[in-house]
Amino acid sequence: MATTHINDDPVQVAVGKLVEARLRQLTKSDIDDLQALLPLLSHEDEDEKEAACSAILEIMNPSAVGIRTMDICRADALKPWLQFVSTRLRNTRESAGITQEELAKRTGIQQSHLSRLEQGEHSPTQKTLIKIANALGVAINVFDPSAV
């Protein structure tokens, strides 16, 4: 049986070229995030693998993860909630006297993602809020009053 090398498969060569081109477009921060995320792809915890894979996909191709422009009415309706959550995240972490780096270690969430959450640039999932609440020793409803 003949051995196939990556250079022999035109599809793999094309994909490699596309990835290479995209990597050249990334910011240093995105490249740093990718380097931190890649080892998590071999993590034993399937949730961690999935989260890392989603984060990598978001960095490499934001449109592939469904980032779309929202209807302005709906987006405006979410702004107060996002501001509330982001402020609570930052204030609770600071009140606990820990850095984003320490919280990242405790939760397994990338520091850069925590920063985006605290800046109100990303909306956290319920699972993310639970991880953060557990790490800070507070109830989930500190961040999400609708949580049971």
N, C-alpha and C. Protein backbone atom coordinates (compact mmCIF):
# COMPACT_ATOMS: atom_id res chain seq x y z
N MET A 1 0.84 -1.16 0.00
CA MET A 1 0.00 0.00 0.00
C MET A 1 0.90 1.24 0.00
N ALA A 2 0.56 2.23 -0.83
CA ALA A 2 1.37 3.44 -0.95
C ALA A 2 1.06 4.38 0.22
N THR A 3 2.06 5.07 0.68
CA THR A 3 1.89 6.05 1.74
C THR A 3 1.52 7.38 1.12
N THR A 4 0.47 8.00 1.66
CA THR A 4 0.06 9.31 1.18
C THR A 4 0.64 10.37 2.08
N HIS A 5 1.31 11.31 1.50
CA HIS A 5 1.87 12.44 2.24
C HIS A 5 0.95 13.63 2.05
N ILE A 6 0.94 14.52 3.02
CA ILE A 6 0.06 15.69 2.94
C ILE A 6 0.28 16.46 1.65
N ASN A 7 1.54 16.50 1.17
CA ASN A 7 1.83 17.23 -0.06
C ASN A 7 1.26 16.56 -1.29
N ASP A 8 0.84 15.29 -1.17
CA ASP A 8 0.28 14.56 -2.30
C ASP A 8 -1.22 14.81 -2.48
N ASP A 9 -1.87 15.28 -1.45
CA ASP A 9 -3.32 15.46 -1.49
C ASP A 9 -3.64 16.93 -1.77
N PRO A 10 -4.19 17.24 -2.94
CA PRO A 10 -4.45 18.64 -3.30
C PRO A 10 -5.43 19.33 -2.34
N VAL A 11 -6.37 18.59 -1.79
CA VAL A 11 -7.32 19.18 -0.85
C VAL A 11 -6.60 19.60 0.43
N GLN A 12 -5.75 18.73 0.95
CA GLN A 12 -5.00 19.07 2.16
C GLN A 12 -4.05 20.23 1.91
N VAL A 13 -3.44 20.28 0.74
CA VAL A 13 -2.55 21.39 0.40
C VAL A 13 -3.36 22.69 0.36
N ALA A 14 -4.53 22.66 -0.25
CA ALA A 14 -5.37 23.85 -0.34
C ALA A 14 -5.81 24.33 1.04
N VAL A 15 -6.25 23.38 1.88
CA VAL A 15 -6.66 23.73 3.24
C VAL A 15 -5.48 24.32 4.01
N GLY A 16 -4.33 23.72 3.87
CA GLY A 16 -3.12 24.24 4.52
C GLY A 16 -2.81 25.67 4.11
N LYS A 17 -2.96 25.96 2.82
CA LYS A 17 -2.72 27.31 2.31
C LYS A 17 -3.73 28.30 2.88
N LEU A 18 -5.00 27.89 2.96
CA LEU A 18 -6.03 28.76 3.52
C LEU A 18 -5.75 29.07 4.99
N VAL A 19 -5.39 28.05 5.75
CA VAL A 19 -5.08 28.24 7.17
C VAL A 19 -3.87 29.16 7.32
N GLU A 20 -2.87 28.92 6.50
CA GLU A 20 -1.66 29.74 6.54
C GLU A 20 -1.99 31.20 6.26
N ALA A 21 -2.82 31.44 5.26
CA ALA A 21 -3.21 32.81 4.91
C ALA A 21 -3.99 33.47 6.05
N ARG A 22 -4.90 32.71 6.67
CA ARG A 22 -5.68 33.25 7.78
C ARG A 22 -4.80 33.57 8.98
N LEU A 23 -3.83 32.71 9.27
CA LEU A 23 -2.92 32.95 10.39
C LEU A 23 -2.14 34.25 10.21
N ARG A 24 -1.80 34.57 8.99
CA ARG A 24 -1.06 35.82 8.72
C ARG A 24 -1.94 37.04 9.00
N GLN A 25 -3.25 36.89 8.99
CA GLN A 25 -4.17 38.01 9.21
C GLN A 25 -4.49 38.24 10.69
N LEU A 26 -4.16 37.28 11.53
CA LEU A 26 -4.53 37.36 12.94
C LEU A 26 -3.67 38.37 13.70
N THR A 27 -4.27 38.92 14.74
CA THR A 27 -3.53 39.81 15.63
C THR A 27 -2.64 38.97 16.53
N LYS A 28 -1.68 39.59 17.17
CA LYS A 28 -0.81 38.88 18.10
C LYS A 28 -1.64 38.28 19.24
N SER A 29 -2.63 39.00 19.70
CA SER A 29 -3.50 38.50 20.77
C SER A 29 -4.22 37.22 20.35
N ASP A 30 -4.74 37.21 19.11
CA ASP A 30 -5.42 36.01 18.61
C ASP A 30 -4.45 34.83 18.48
N ILE A 31 -3.25 35.11 18.02
CA ILE A 31 -2.25 34.04 17.89
C ILE A 31 -1.88 33.50 19.27
N ASP A 32 -1.72 34.40 20.25
CA ASP A 32 -1.44 33.96 21.62
C ASP A 32 -2.58 33.08 22.15
N ASP A 33 -3.82 33.51 21.87
CA ASP A 33 -4.98 32.71 22.30
C ASP A 33 -4.96 31.33 21.66
N LEU A 34 -4.67 31.28 20.35
CA LEU A 34 -4.60 29.99 19.65
C LEU A 34 -3.55 29.08 20.28
N GLN A 35 -2.39 29.65 20.56
CA GLN A 35 -1.31 28.84 21.15
C GLN A 35 -1.72 28.30 22.52
N ALA A 36 -2.49 29.07 23.26
CA ALA A 36 -2.95 28.60 24.57
C ALA A 36 -4.06 27.56 24.43
N LEU A 37 -4.85 27.66 23.37
CA LEU A 37 -5.98 26.75 23.19
C LEU A 37 -5.58 25.40 22.59
N LEU A 38 -4.59 25.37 21.75
CA LEU A 38 -4.23 24.13 21.05
C LEU A 38 -3.97 22.95 21.99
N PRO A 39 -3.25 23.11 23.10
CA PRO A 39 -3.05 21.95 23.99
C PRO A 39 -4.36 21.41 24.58
N LEU A 40 -5.39 22.26 24.67
CA LEU A 40 -6.66 21.81 25.25
C LEU A 40 -7.40 20.84 24.33
N LEU A 41 -7.00 20.78 23.06
CA LEU A 41 -7.65 19.85 22.13
C LEU A 41 -7.37 18.40 22.50
N SER A 42 -6.33 18.16 23.29
CA SER A 42 -6.04 16.79 23.72
C SER A 42 -6.40 16.57 25.19
N HIS A 43 -7.19 17.49 25.74
CA HIS A 43 -7.63 17.39 27.14
C HIS A 43 -8.57 16.20 27.30
N GLU A 44 -8.55 15.60 28.47
CA GLU A 44 -9.41 14.43 28.74
C GLU A 44 -10.88 14.81 28.84
N ASP A 45 -11.16 16.00 29.35
CA ASP A 45 -12.54 16.45 29.54
C ASP A 45 -13.13 16.87 28.19
N GLU A 46 -14.18 16.20 27.77
CA GLU A 46 -14.81 16.47 26.47
C GLU A 46 -15.36 17.89 26.40
N ASP A 47 -15.87 18.42 27.51
CA ASP A 47 -16.38 19.79 27.51
C ASP A 47 -15.25 20.78 27.24
N GLU A 48 -14.08 20.53 27.83
CA GLU A 48 -12.92 21.40 27.61
C GLU A 48 -12.48 21.34 26.16
N LYS A 49 -12.47 20.13 25.59
CA LYS A 49 -12.11 19.97 24.18
C LYS A 49 -13.08 20.76 23.30
N GLU A 50 -14.36 20.61 23.58
CA GLU A 50 -15.38 21.28 22.78
C GLU A 50 -15.27 22.80 22.90
N ALA A 51 -15.03 23.29 24.12
CA ALA A 51 -14.88 24.73 24.33
C ALA A 51 -13.66 25.26 23.59
N ALA A 52 -12.55 24.52 23.66
CA ALA A 52 -11.33 24.93 22.96
C ALA A 52 -11.56 24.94 21.46
N CYS A 53 -12.21 23.91 20.96
CA CYS A 53 -12.48 23.82 19.52
C CYS A 53 -13.37 24.98 19.06
N SER A 54 -14.38 25.30 19.85
CA SER A 54 -15.27 26.42 19.51
C SER A 54 -14.52 27.74 19.52
N ALA A 55 -13.67 27.93 20.51
CA ALA A 55 -12.89 29.17 20.60
C ALA A 55 -11.92 29.29 19.42
N ILE A 56 -11.29 28.19 19.03
CA ILE A 56 -10.38 28.20 17.89
C ILE A 56 -11.15 28.52 16.61
N LEU A 57 -12.31 27.92 16.46
CA LEU A 57 -13.14 28.18 15.29
C LEU A 57 -13.56 29.64 15.24
N GLU A 58 -13.91 30.20 16.40
CA GLU A 58 -14.31 31.60 16.46
C GLU A 58 -13.16 32.51 16.05
N ILE A 59 -11.94 32.18 16.47
CA ILE A 59 -10.77 32.99 16.11
C ILE A 59 -10.46 32.85 14.62
N MET A 60 -10.46 31.62 14.14
CA MET A 60 -10.06 31.37 12.75
C MET A 60 -11.11 31.81 11.73
N ASN A 61 -12.38 31.67 12.08
CA ASN A 61 -13.44 32.01 11.14
C ASN A 61 -14.69 32.43 11.89
N PRO A 62 -14.74 33.68 12.34
CA PRO A 62 -15.88 34.12 13.14
C PRO A 62 -17.24 33.89 12.49
N SER A 63 -17.33 33.98 11.18
CA SER A 63 -18.62 33.79 10.52
C SER A 63 -19.11 32.34 10.60
N ALA A 64 -18.19 31.39 10.81
CA ALA A 64 -18.57 29.98 10.87
C ALA A 64 -19.29 29.61 12.15
N VAL A 65 -19.16 30.43 13.19
CA VAL A 65 -19.81 30.10 14.45
C VAL A 65 -21.10 30.88 14.65
N GLY A 66 -21.57 31.47 13.57
CA GLY A 66 -22.88 32.11 13.64
C GLY A 66 -22.87 33.51 14.19
N ILE A 67 -21.75 34.20 14.11
CA ILE A 67 -21.73 35.60 14.54
C ILE A 67 -22.37 36.39 13.43
N ARG A 68 -23.49 36.98 13.74
CA ARG A 68 -24.25 37.74 12.75
C ARG A 68 -24.65 39.08 13.34
N THR A 69 -24.94 40.00 12.47
CA THR A 69 -25.47 41.27 12.93
C THR A 69 -26.90 41.02 13.40
N MET A 70 -27.17 41.48 14.60
CA MET A 70 -28.51 41.28 15.17
C MET A 70 -29.42 42.42 14.76
N ASP A 71 -30.70 42.14 14.78
CA ASP A 71 -31.69 43.16 14.60
C ASP A 71 -31.45 44.22 15.67
N ILE A 72 -31.44 45.48 15.29
CA ILE A 72 -31.08 46.55 16.22
C ILE A 72 -31.99 46.60 17.44
N CYS A 73 -33.25 46.30 17.29
CA CYS A 73 -34.15 46.31 18.45
C CYS A 73 -33.74 45.24 19.45
N ARG A 74 -33.45 44.07 18.96
CA ARG A 74 -33.07 42.97 19.84
C ARG A 74 -31.71 43.24 20.49
N ALA A 75 -30.77 43.77 19.71
CA ALA A 75 -29.44 44.08 20.24
C ALA A 75 -29.54 45.12 21.34
N ASP A 76 -30.35 46.15 21.14
CA ASP A 76 -30.52 47.17 22.17
C ASP A 76 -31.14 46.60 23.43
N ALA A 77 -32.02 45.62 23.27
CA ALA A 77 -32.66 45.01 24.43
C ALA A 77 -31.66 44.20 25.26
N LEU A 78 -30.63 43.67 24.62
CA LEU A 78 -29.64 42.86 25.33
C LEU A 78 -28.55 43.69 26.00
N LYS A 79 -28.37 44.93 25.57
CA LYS A 79 -27.30 45.76 26.11
C LYS A 79 -27.37 45.92 27.63
N PRO A 80 -28.52 46.22 28.20
CA PRO A 80 -28.56 46.37 29.67
C PRO A 80 -28.18 45.07 30.39
N TRP A 81 -28.64 43.93 29.88
CA TRP A 81 -28.30 42.66 30.51
C TRP A 81 -26.80 42.40 30.41
N LEU A 82 -26.23 42.63 29.23
CA LEU A 82 -24.80 42.40 29.03
C LEU A 82 -23.99 43.34 29.93
N GLN A 83 -24.41 44.59 30.05
CA GLN A 83 -23.72 45.54 30.92
C GLN A 83 -23.81 45.09 32.38
N PHE A 84 -24.99 44.62 32.79
CA PHE A 84 -25.19 44.13 34.15
C PHE A 84 -24.25 42.96 34.45
N VAL A 85 -24.25 41.98 33.56
CA VAL A 85 -23.45 40.78 33.77
C VAL A 85 -21.96 41.12 33.77
N SER A 86 -21.52 41.89 32.80
CA SER A 86 -20.09 42.21 32.72
C SER A 86 -19.62 42.98 33.94
N THR A 87 -20.42 43.92 34.41
CA THR A 87 -20.06 44.69 35.61
C THR A 87 -20.03 43.78 36.83
N ARG A 88 -21.02 42.90 36.96
CA ARG A 88 -21.04 41.97 38.10
C ARG A 88 -19.85 41.02 38.09
N LEU A 89 -19.49 40.53 36.90
CA LEU A 89 -18.34 39.64 36.79
C LEU A 89 -17.07 40.33 37.29
N ARG A 90 -16.83 41.52 36.78
CA ARG A 90 -15.62 42.27 37.16
C ARG A 90 -15.64 42.63 38.65
N ASN A 91 -16.74 43.18 39.12
CA ASN A 91 -16.82 43.59 40.53
C ASN A 91 -16.68 42.42 41.49
N THR A 92 -17.30 41.30 41.18
CA THR A 92 -17.23 40.12 42.05
C THR A 92 -15.80 39.56 42.07
N ARG A 93 -15.17 39.51 40.91
CA ARG A 93 -13.78 39.04 40.86
C ARG A 93 -12.87 39.97 41.65
N GLU A 94 -13.02 41.26 41.44
CA GLU A 94 -12.17 42.23 42.15
C GLU A 94 -12.43 42.19 43.66
N SER A 95 -13.70 42.02 44.06
CA SER A 95 -14.02 41.92 45.49
C SER A 95 -13.39 40.69 46.12
N ALA A 96 -13.24 39.64 45.32
CA ALA A 96 -12.60 38.42 45.82
C ALA A 96 -11.08 38.59 45.88
N GLY A 97 -10.57 39.69 45.31
CA GLY A 97 -9.14 39.96 45.37
C GLY A 97 -8.30 39.08 44.46
N ILE A 98 -8.88 38.65 43.34
CA ILE A 98 -8.10 37.81 42.42
C ILE A 98 -8.02 38.46 41.04
N THR A 99 -6.99 38.09 40.32
CA THR A 99 -6.77 38.61 38.98
C THR A 99 -7.53 37.77 37.96
N GLN A 100 -7.61 38.30 36.76
CA GLN A 100 -8.21 37.51 35.67
C GLN A 100 -7.39 36.25 35.43
N GLU A 101 -6.08 36.36 35.56
CA GLU A 101 -5.22 35.19 35.35
C GLU A 101 -5.54 34.09 36.36
N GLU A 102 -5.73 34.48 37.62
CA GLU A 102 -6.06 33.50 38.66
C GLU A 102 -7.43 32.89 38.40
N LEU A 103 -8.39 33.72 38.02
CA LEU A 103 -9.73 33.20 37.71
C LEU A 103 -9.66 32.25 36.52
N ALA A 104 -8.82 32.57 35.55
CA ALA A 104 -8.65 31.69 34.39
C ALA A 104 -8.15 30.32 34.83
N LYS A 105 -7.20 30.30 35.75
CA LYS A 105 -6.68 29.03 36.25
C LYS A 105 -7.77 28.25 36.98
N ARG A 106 -8.55 28.94 37.78
CA ARG A 106 -9.59 28.27 38.56
C ARG A 106 -10.74 27.74 37.71
N THR A 107 -11.02 28.40 36.60
CA THR A 107 -12.18 28.02 35.78
C THR A 107 -11.82 27.22 34.54
N GLY A 108 -10.58 27.34 34.08
CA GLY A 108 -10.21 26.72 32.81
C GLY A 108 -10.66 27.54 31.62
N ILE A 109 -11.06 28.78 31.87
CA ILE A 109 -11.47 29.70 30.80
C ILE A 109 -10.27 30.59 30.49
N GLN A 110 -10.01 30.82 29.22
CA GLN A 110 -8.88 31.66 28.84
C GLN A 110 -9.02 33.06 29.43
N GLN A 111 -7.90 33.63 29.89
CA GLN A 111 -7.91 34.98 30.46
C GLN A 111 -8.44 35.99 29.44
N SER A 112 -8.08 35.84 28.19
CA SER A 112 -8.53 36.78 27.17
C SER A 112 -10.06 36.73 27.02
N HIS A 113 -10.63 35.54 27.18
CA HIS A 113 -12.08 35.43 27.10
C HIS A 113 -12.73 36.07 28.33
N LEU A 114 -12.13 35.87 29.50
CA LEU A 114 -12.65 36.52 30.70
C LEU A 114 -12.62 38.04 30.54
N SER A 115 -11.56 38.54 29.96
CA SER A 115 -11.45 39.98 29.72
C SER A 115 -12.58 40.47 28.81
N ARG A 116 -12.85 39.71 27.76
CA ARG A 116 -13.93 40.09 26.83
C ARG A 116 -15.29 40.05 27.52
N LEU A 117 -15.47 39.08 28.41
CA LEU A 117 -16.73 39.01 29.16
C LEU A 117 -16.88 40.22 30.07
N GLU A 118 -15.79 40.57 30.77
CA GLU A 118 -15.83 41.72 31.69
C GLU A 118 -15.97 43.05 30.96
N GLN A 119 -15.54 43.10 29.72
CA GLN A 119 -15.66 44.32 28.91
C GLN A 119 -17.05 44.41 28.25
N GLY A 120 -17.82 43.33 28.35
CA GLY A 120 -19.14 43.31 27.70
C GLY A 120 -19.05 43.08 26.21
N GLU A 121 -17.92 42.53 25.75
CA GLU A 121 -17.74 42.27 24.32
C GLU A 121 -18.33 40.92 23.91
N HIS A 122 -18.47 40.01 24.87
CA HIS A 122 -19.05 38.70 24.61
C HIS A 122 -20.11 38.43 25.67
N SER A 123 -21.11 37.68 25.28
CA SER A 123 -22.16 37.28 26.20
C SER A 123 -21.83 35.89 26.73
N PRO A 124 -21.74 35.74 28.04
CA PRO A 124 -21.38 34.42 28.58
C PRO A 124 -22.52 33.42 28.49
N THR A 125 -22.16 32.16 28.34
CA THR A 125 -23.16 31.10 28.38
C THR A 125 -23.47 30.80 29.85
N GLN A 126 -24.55 30.10 30.08
CA GLN A 126 -24.91 29.70 31.45
C GLN A 126 -23.80 28.83 32.05
N LYS A 127 -23.24 27.95 31.25
CA LYS A 127 -22.17 27.07 31.71
C LYS A 127 -20.95 27.88 32.15
N THR A 128 -20.62 28.90 31.39
CA THR A 128 -19.50 29.77 31.75
C THR A 128 -19.78 30.51 33.05
N LEU A 129 -20.99 31.02 33.20
CA LEU A 129 -21.35 31.73 34.44
C LEU A 129 -21.28 30.80 35.64
N ILE A 130 -21.68 29.56 35.46
CA ILE A 130 -21.62 28.58 36.56
C ILE A 130 -20.16 28.32 36.95
N LYS A 131 -19.28 28.15 35.97
CA LYS A 131 -17.86 27.93 36.27
C LYS A 131 -17.29 29.11 37.06
N ILE A 132 -17.62 30.32 36.62
CA ILE A 132 -17.09 31.52 37.28
C ILE A 132 -17.67 31.64 38.69
N ALA A 133 -18.97 31.42 38.83
CA ALA A 133 -19.60 31.50 40.15
C ALA A 133 -18.97 30.50 41.11
N ASN A 134 -18.78 29.28 40.65
CA ASN A 134 -18.16 28.25 41.49
C ASN A 134 -16.75 28.65 41.90
N ALA A 135 -15.98 29.18 40.96
CA ALA A 135 -14.60 29.57 41.25
C ALA A 135 -14.52 30.73 42.24
N LEU A 136 -15.53 31.60 42.21
CA LEU A 136 -15.55 32.75 43.11
C LEU A 136 -16.31 32.48 44.40
N GLY A 137 -16.94 31.31 44.48
CA GLY A 137 -17.67 30.94 45.69
C GLY A 137 -18.95 31.73 45.90
N VAL A 138 -19.62 32.06 44.79
CA VAL A 138 -20.88 32.79 44.87
C VAL A 138 -21.97 32.01 44.13
N ALA A 139 -23.19 32.37 44.40
CA ALA A 139 -24.32 31.74 43.70
C ALA A 139 -24.41 32.28 42.28
N ILE A 140 -24.90 31.47 41.37
CA ILE A 140 -25.03 31.85 39.97
C ILE A 140 -25.93 33.09 39.82
N ASN A 141 -26.91 33.24 40.70
CA ASN A 141 -27.84 34.37 40.55
C ASN A 141 -27.19 35.72 40.86
N VAL A 142 -25.95 35.72 41.33
CA VAL A 142 -25.20 36.97 41.46
C VAL A 142 -24.99 37.57 40.06
N PHE A 143 -24.79 36.71 39.08
CA PHE A 143 -24.55 37.14 37.71
C PHE A 143 -25.81 37.09 36.86
N ASP A 144 -26.69 36.15 37.16
CA ASP A 144 -27.90 35.96 36.38
C ASP A 144 -29.07 35.79 37.34
N PRO A 145 -29.77 36.90 37.66
CA PRO A 145 -30.88 36.83 38.62
C PRO A 145 -31.98 35.86 38.22
N SER A 146 -32.07 35.52 36.93
CA SER A 146 -33.11 34.59 36.49
C SER A 146 -32.74 33.15 36.74
N ALA A 147 -31.46 32.90 37.11
CA ALA A 147 -31.01 31.52 37.36
C ALA A 147 -31.63 30.99 38.64
N VAL A 148 -31.95 29.71 38.60
CA VAL A 148 -32.57 29.08 39.76
C VAL A 148 -31.52 28.55 40.70
